[in-house]
Protein backbone atom coordinates (compact mmCIF):
# COMPACT_ATOMS: atom_id res chain seq x y z
CA UNK A 1 -18.95 -21.50 10.68
CA UNK A 2 -16.10 -23.67 11.52
CA UNK A 3 -12.92 -21.09 11.76
CA UNK A 4 -10.87 -24.01 13.34
CA UNK A 5 -11.25 -25.84 10.11
CA UNK A 6 -10.21 -23.01 7.93
CA UNK A 7 -7.31 -22.64 10.25
CA UNK A 8 -6.29 -26.03 9.52
CA UNK A 9 -6.28 -25.42 5.95
CA UNK A 10 -4.55 -22.07 6.20
CA UNK A 11 -1.65 -23.51 8.28
CA UNK A 12 -1.52 -26.13 5.49
CA UNK A 13 -0.96 -23.56 2.83
CA UNK A 14 1.78 -21.66 5.02
CA UNK A 15 3.63 -24.80 5.47
CA UNK A 16 3.56 -25.59 1.87
CA UNK A 17 4.69 -21.96 0.87
CA UNK A 18 7.64 -22.61 3.48
CA UNK A 19 8.30 -25.46 1.77
CA UNK A 20 7.86 -27.43 5.43
CA UNK A 21 6.64 -30.88 4.56
CA UNK A 22 6.61 -31.87 8.54
CA UNK A 23 4.28 -28.72 8.74
CA UNK A 24 1.87 -30.10 6.24
CA UNK A 25 1.84 -33.48 7.73
CA UNK A 26 1.19 -32.01 11.03
CA UNK A 27 -2.33 -30.92 9.37
CA UNK A 28 -2.93 -34.53 7.72
CA UNK A 29 -4.72 -37.11 9.46
CA UNK A 30 -2.36 -40.21 9.08
CA UNK A 31 -4.52 -42.41 6.79
CA UNK A 32 -5.88 -39.04 4.66
CA UNK A 33 -6.45 -39.23 1.08
CA UNK A 34 -5.04 -36.56 -1.28
CA UNK A 35 -6.50 -36.52 -4.96
CA UNK A 36 -3.75 -34.22 -6.79
CA UNK A 37 -5.12 -32.88 -9.67
CA UNK A 38 -2.20 -33.99 -12.30
CA UNK A 39 -2.42 -37.31 -10.87
CA UNK A 40 -6.44 -37.57 -11.30
CA UNK A 41 -5.54 -36.51 -15.14
CA UNK A 42 -3.26 -39.39 -15.76
CA UNK A 43 -3.89 -41.97 -13.06
CA UNK A 44 -7.68 -41.35 -12.47
CA UNK A 45 -8.72 -42.48 -9.00
CA UNK A 46 -6.26 -44.96 -8.84
CA UNK A 47 -3.51 -42.26 -8.57
CA UNK A 48 -4.54 -40.69 -4.94
CA UNK A 49 -2.20 -40.55 -2.18
CA UNK A 50 -2.95 -42.45 0.88
CA UNK A 51 -1.53 -41.60 4.18
CA UNK A 52 1.41 -39.90 4.99
CA UNK A 53 3.67 -41.93 3.08
CA UNK A 54 1.61 -41.30 -0.10
CA UNK A 55 1.70 -37.75 0.81
CA UNK A 56 5.59 -37.79 1.37
CA UNK A 57 5.62 -39.59 -1.94
CA UNK A 58 3.84 -36.60 -3.49
CA UNK A 59 5.76 -34.22 -1.95
CA UNK A 60 9.40 -35.61 -3.37
CA UNK A 61 7.57 -35.99 -7.00
CA UNK A 62 7.02 -32.15 -6.70
CA UNK A 63 10.64 -31.49 -5.88
CA UNK A 64 11.74 -33.61 -8.56
CA UNK A 65 9.63 -31.51 -11.02
CA UNK A 66 9.61 -27.94 -9.89
CA UNK A 67 11.57 -25.36 -8.05
CA UNK A 68 10.27 -22.41 -6.01
CA UNK A 69 6.65 -23.97 -6.23
CA UNK A 70 4.45 -21.82 -4.00
CA UNK A 71 0.89 -20.99 -3.72
CA UNK A 72 -1.40 -17.43 -3.32
CA UNK A 73 -4.63 -18.01 -1.76
CA UNK A 74 -7.36 -16.13 -3.71
CA UNK A 75 -10.14 -17.10 -1.81
CA UNK A 76 -11.51 -19.40 1.06
CA UNK A 77 -14.82 -20.47 2.01
CA UNK A 78 -15.87 -22.31 5.27
CA UNK A 79 -18.43 -25.00 4.47
CA UNK A 80 -18.67 -26.64 7.89
CA UNK A 81 -16.54 -29.95 7.32
CA UNK A 82 -15.27 -28.75 4.21
CA UNK A 83 -13.19 -25.89 3.29
CA UNK A 84 -13.10 -24.63 -0.28
CA UNK A 85 -9.86 -22.79 -1.31
CA UNK A 86 -9.05 -21.11 -4.75
CA UNK A 87 -5.28 -20.39 -5.49
CA UNK A 88 -2.69 -19.54 -7.72
CA UNK A 89 0.27 -22.18 -7.98
CA UNK A 90 3.73 -21.05 -9.47
CA UNK A 91 6.90 -22.36 -9.60
CA UNK A 92 9.66 -23.35 -12.48
CA UNK A 93 9.66 -26.45 -13.93
CA UNK A 94 13.35 -28.21 -13.15
CA UNK A 95 13.64 -29.85 -16.57
CA UNK A 96 12.26 -26.81 -18.98
CA UNK A 97 13.29 -24.06 -16.82
CA UNK A 98 9.69 -22.49 -17.81
CA UNK A 99 8.45 -20.32 -15.12
CA UNK A 100 4.85 -18.68 -15.75
CA UNK A 101 4.65 -15.73 -13.33
CA UNK A 102 0.72 -15.27 -13.75
CA UNK A 103 0.71 -19.07 -12.28
CA UNK A 104 -2.56 -21.43 -12.86
CA UNK A 105 -5.79 -21.51 -10.73
CA UNK A 106 -6.41 -24.45 -9.01
CA UNK A 107 -9.55 -25.08 -6.56
CA UNK A 108 -9.16 -27.57 -3.70
CA UNK A 109 -11.75 -29.11 -1.38
CA UNK A 110 -10.73 -30.32 1.85
CA UNK A 111 -12.64 -32.27 4.46
CA UNK A 112 -11.52 -31.76 8.01
CA UNK A 113 -12.54 -33.73 11.22
CA UNK A 114 -11.24 -33.48 14.37
CA UNK A 115 -8.62 -30.62 13.77
CA UNK A 116 -7.14 -33.10 10.64
CA UNK A 117 -7.54 -33.09 6.93
CA UNK A 118 -8.96 -36.48 5.96
CA UNK A 119 -9.55 -35.65 2.50
CA UNK A 120 -8.60 -33.37 -0.17
CA UNK A 121 -9.25 -32.96 -4.19
CA UNK A 122 -7.74 -30.46 -6.55
CA UNK A 123 -9.95 -29.26 -9.20
CA UNK A 124 -8.56 -27.43 -12.53
CA UNK A 125 -11.95 -25.97 -12.63
CA UNK A 126 -13.38 -23.86 -10.44
CA UNK A 127 -16.97 -24.58 -11.70
CA UNK A 128 -16.51 -28.17 -11.14
CA UNK A 129 -15.33 -27.74 -7.65
CA UNK A 130 -18.20 -25.24 -6.60
CA UNK A 131 -20.81 -27.91 -7.97
CA UNK A 132 -19.32 -30.85 -5.85
CA UNK A 133 -19.30 -28.41 -2.88
CA UNK A 134 -23.40 -27.43 -3.84
CA UNK A 135 -22.06 -23.95 -4.47
CA UNK A 136 -22.41 -21.32 -7.10
CA UNK A 137 -20.08 -18.31 -7.86
């Protein structure tokens, strides 16, 4: 078990919920890669966010589109160098004003090395994420 890696991911989620971009970046390797779910659907692998500059761009895009964005961790699994999380995302669309109180489920798979997240990928499908991680429900 690698509780240290889980702690990195838990600090990341806490910073996200505080709206603390610098706190988020503190957990990311400066050259880390983030594959956001929506961006993957629209742009494929070319839409990954690279390094702190890419992550800042992703964050500012979120701020432009949503207000009150937060996550509720439903499950955390320690997989050694990887950490899998299942969460609910809630927020209000700035353009539409629509708020879905039950949120939508998102599964994330993080790779952590030397105390920093080096890669993360979002999945809309829990089954797909579990499959990639070699897990069964």
